[in-house]
Amino acid sequence: MKNILFSLKERNPRLSNRKRAEMYRDKLGSMGKNCEVFMKVSFGSEPYLIDIGDNVRITYGVKFITHDGGLHVLRNLDLANNGAVYGKIRIGDNTFIGNDVIILPGVTVGSNCVLGAGSIITRSIPDNSVAAGIPAKPLRTIQDYYEKNKPFIHETIGMNSLQKKEYLLNLAPELLIKK
């Protein structure tokens, strides 16, 4: 019953992302300081194989997969008996993991990285990279990412929701990013 209650607490929408991270701390291999974990994150069946650095933001719906479930087929063919394949996942410091990213076993994501929403991380990502796609590939350096977005950066952190709404609705259209 305790695990069910803990799971319900983790999914509480009123729980702050920092408090949610603290709830996961003892389940993971390691977790640094100032981390955030949004709702509906799955650390899989072997969370103790996941190491997370400092200042990591894990957003909504991210999935960490630490084993290869495909061995089910090999076990049924009597090729793997009761065998399984596992891999540690390591996330470096100051990394942002976008919504619904899937990270596969054995992957290391470097420090100062941005992983684009919906990406599937099948291979390790070097430090200071922005990576996205299926499978994810490094697209640019973090410095290139800054230069690309520099004209569209607005100092809204710290504004309340009404202040931010008024500010954004009064911006000239060319100051908002377009894709």
Protein backbone atom coordinates (compact mmCIF):
# COMPACT_ATOMS: atom_id res chain seq x y z
CA MET A 1 0.00 0.00 0.00
CA LYS A 2 2.90 2.37 0.77
CA ASN A 3 4.16 2.25 -2.86
CA ILE A 4 0.69 3.05 -4.21
CA LEU A 5 0.36 6.04 -1.87
CA PHE A 6 3.85 7.27 -2.75
CA SER A 7 3.01 6.97 -6.44
CA LEU A 8 -0.14 9.05 -5.93
CA LYS A 9 1.89 11.70 -4.09
CA GLU A 10 4.38 11.87 -6.99
CA ARG A 11 1.53 12.53 -9.42
CA ASN A 12 0.02 15.31 -7.30
CA PRO A 13 -0.29 18.35 -9.62
CA ARG A 14 0.05 20.69 -6.64
CA LEU A 15 3.44 19.25 -5.70
CA SER A 16 6.30 21.49 -6.84
CA ASN A 17 8.74 20.07 -9.37
CA ARG A 18 11.59 20.43 -6.85
CA LYS A 19 9.67 18.55 -4.15
CA ARG A 20 8.80 15.83 -6.66
CA ALA A 21 12.52 15.51 -7.46
CA GLU A 22 13.26 15.08 -3.75
CA MET A 23 10.69 12.27 -3.57
CA TYR A 24 12.58 10.38 -6.29
CA ARG A 25 16.06 11.03 -4.85
CA ASP A 26 16.24 7.81 -2.79
CA LYS A 27 15.00 5.65 -5.67
CA LEU A 28 17.64 6.80 -8.18
CA GLY A 29 21.31 5.85 -8.35
CA SER A 30 22.12 9.49 -7.64
CA MET A 31 20.60 12.93 -8.09
CA GLY A 32 22.42 16.25 -7.76
CA LYS A 33 21.11 19.45 -6.25
CA ASN A 34 18.50 21.87 -7.65
CA CYS A 35 16.81 19.29 -9.88
CA GLU A 36 13.20 19.42 -11.08
CA VAL A 37 10.95 16.53 -12.06
CA PHE A 38 7.62 17.34 -13.71
CA MET A 39 4.55 15.10 -13.65
CA LYS A 40 4.24 11.76 -15.45
CA VAL A 41 7.98 11.06 -15.56
CA SER A 42 8.86 7.35 -15.59
CA PHE A 43 12.19 6.20 -14.19
CA GLY A 44 11.39 2.62 -15.24
CA SER A 45 11.82 -0.63 -13.37
CA GLU A 46 15.49 -0.06 -12.41
CA PRO A 47 15.67 3.60 -11.30
CA TYR A 48 18.82 2.81 -9.31
CA LEU A 49 20.66 2.58 -12.67
CA ILE A 50 20.00 6.30 -13.34
CA ASP A 51 22.44 9.03 -12.28
CA ILE A 52 21.37 12.66 -12.60
CA GLY A 53 23.66 15.68 -12.16
CA ASP A 54 22.98 19.11 -10.65
CA ASN A 55 20.42 21.59 -12.05
CA VAL A 56 18.64 19.08 -14.30
CA ARG A 57 15.06 19.77 -15.41
CA ILE A 58 13.11 16.66 -16.43
CA THR A 59 9.84 17.79 -17.99
CA TYR A 60 6.43 16.21 -18.48
CA GLY A 61 6.21 12.63 -19.72
CA VAL A 62 9.94 11.80 -19.95
CA LYS A 63 10.72 8.06 -19.91
CA PHE A 64 13.98 6.45 -18.80
CA ILE A 65 14.37 2.86 -20.01
CA THR A 66 17.20 0.90 -18.36
CA HIS A 67 16.72 -2.53 -19.90
CA ASP A 68 16.13 -4.14 -23.29
CA GLY A 69 12.67 -5.70 -23.14
CA GLY A 70 13.16 -7.24 -26.58
CA LEU A 71 15.01 -10.14 -24.95
CA HIS A 72 11.53 -11.50 -24.25
CA VAL A 73 11.65 -12.97 -27.77
CA LEU A 74 15.06 -14.58 -27.17
CA ARG A 75 13.88 -16.10 -23.89
CA ASN A 76 10.89 -17.63 -25.70
CA LEU A 77 13.29 -19.15 -28.24
CA ASP A 78 15.36 -20.61 -25.39
CA LEU A 79 18.32 -18.45 -26.47
CA ALA A 80 18.55 -16.23 -23.40
CA ASN A 81 17.01 -18.48 -20.73
CA ASN A 82 16.32 -16.06 -17.88
CA GLY A 83 18.69 -13.42 -19.21
CA ALA A 84 18.21 -9.68 -19.51
CA VAL A 85 20.31 -6.73 -20.76
CA TYR A 86 20.66 -3.56 -18.67
CA GLY A 87 22.38 -0.22 -19.11
CA LYS A 88 23.01 2.76 -16.84
CA ILE A 89 21.71 6.17 -17.85
CA ARG A 90 23.76 9.23 -16.89
CA ILE A 91 22.55 12.83 -17.21
CA GLY A 92 25.15 15.59 -16.80
CA ASP A 93 24.80 18.89 -14.95
CA ASN A 94 22.62 21.76 -16.19
CA THR A 95 20.61 19.74 -18.68
CA PHE A 96 17.04 20.29 -19.89
CA ILE A 97 15.04 17.24 -21.01
CA GLY A 98 11.99 18.27 -23.09
CA ASN A 99 8.48 16.82 -22.92
CA ASP A 100 8.02 13.15 -23.79
CA VAL A 101 11.70 12.39 -24.42
CA ILE A 102 12.62 8.69 -24.22
CA ILE A 103 16.14 7.81 -23.05
CA LEU A 104 17.35 4.27 -23.77
CA PRO A 105 19.75 2.04 -21.77
CA GLY A 106 23.47 2.80 -21.75
CA VAL A 107 23.09 6.46 -22.78
CA THR A 108 25.13 9.30 -21.28
CA VAL A 109 23.89 12.85 -21.84
CA GLY A 110 26.60 15.42 -21.22
CA SER A 111 26.45 18.62 -19.19
CA ASN A 112 24.86 21.82 -20.53
CA CYS A 113 22.57 19.97 -22.94
CA VAL A 114 19.06 20.56 -24.27
CA LEU A 115 17.09 17.50 -25.46
CA GLY A 116 14.22 18.48 -27.76
CA ALA A 117 10.65 17.45 -27.01
CA GLY A 118 9.59 14.05 -28.37
CA SER A 119 13.16 12.92 -29.07
CA ILE A 120 14.36 9.36 -28.62
CA ILE A 121 17.88 9.30 -27.22
CA THR A 122 19.48 6.10 -28.54
CA ARG A 123 23.14 7.18 -28.32
CA SER A 124 25.21 9.30 -25.97
CA ILE A 125 25.10 13.09 -26.43
CA PRO A 126 28.27 15.18 -25.85
CA ASP A 127 28.55 18.14 -23.47
CA ASN A 128 27.25 21.54 -24.65
CA SER A 129 24.86 20.12 -27.25
CA VAL A 130 21.30 20.67 -28.40
CA ALA A 131 19.97 17.34 -29.65
CA ALA A 132 16.62 16.34 -31.10
CA GLY A 133 14.95 13.86 -33.41
CA ILE A 134 14.20 10.17 -33.76
CA PRO A 135 16.82 8.99 -33.21
CA ALA A 136 18.19 12.16 -31.59
CA LYS A 137 21.33 13.71 -33.03
CA PRO A 138 23.29 16.75 -31.89
CA LEU A 139 22.05 19.67 -34.00
CA ARG A 140 24.12 22.59 -32.68
CA THR A 141 26.25 23.69 -29.76
CA ILE A 142 24.72 25.40 -26.77
CA GLN A 143 26.49 28.62 -27.87
CA ASP A 144 24.86 28.39 -31.32
CA TYR A 145 21.51 27.81 -29.58
CA TYR A 146 22.02 31.01 -27.58
CA GLU A 147 22.96 33.05 -30.66
CA LYS A 148 19.92 31.76 -32.59
CA ASN A 149 17.53 32.64 -29.74
CA LYS A 150 19.20 35.85 -28.49
CA PRO A 151 16.82 38.22 -30.35
CA PHE A 152 13.80 36.46 -28.85
CA ILE A 153 14.87 36.23 -25.18
CA HIS A 154 12.58 38.20 -22.86
CA GLU A 155 13.18 38.71 -19.13
CA THR A 156 9.85 37.28 -17.90
CA ILE A 157 11.09 34.98 -15.13
CA GLY A 158 9.80 36.43 -11.88
CA MET A 159 6.73 38.06 -13.43
CA ASN A 160 3.37 36.79 -12.25
CA SER A 161 1.07 35.29 -14.87
CA LEU A 162 -0.88 38.53 -15.45
CA GLN A 163 2.29 40.60 -15.87
CA LYS A 164 3.72 38.05 -18.29
CA LYS A 165 0.50 37.91 -20.31
CA GLU A 166 0.37 41.72 -20.63
CA TYR A 167 4.05 41.90 -21.55
CA LEU A 168 3.84 39.18 -24.22
CA LEU A 169 0.60 40.44 -25.77
CA ASN A 170 2.12 43.92 -26.15
CA LEU A 171 5.30 42.76 -27.89
CA ALA A 172 5.90 43.57 -31.52
CA PRO A 173 5.28 40.37 -33.56
CA GLU A 174 8.87 40.28 -34.86
CA LEU A 175 10.07 39.81 -31.25
CA LEU A 176 8.37 36.41 -31.00
CA ILE A 177 10.05 33.37 -32.51
CA LYS A 178 8.61 31.95 -35.76
CA LYS A 179 9.24 28.50 -37.19
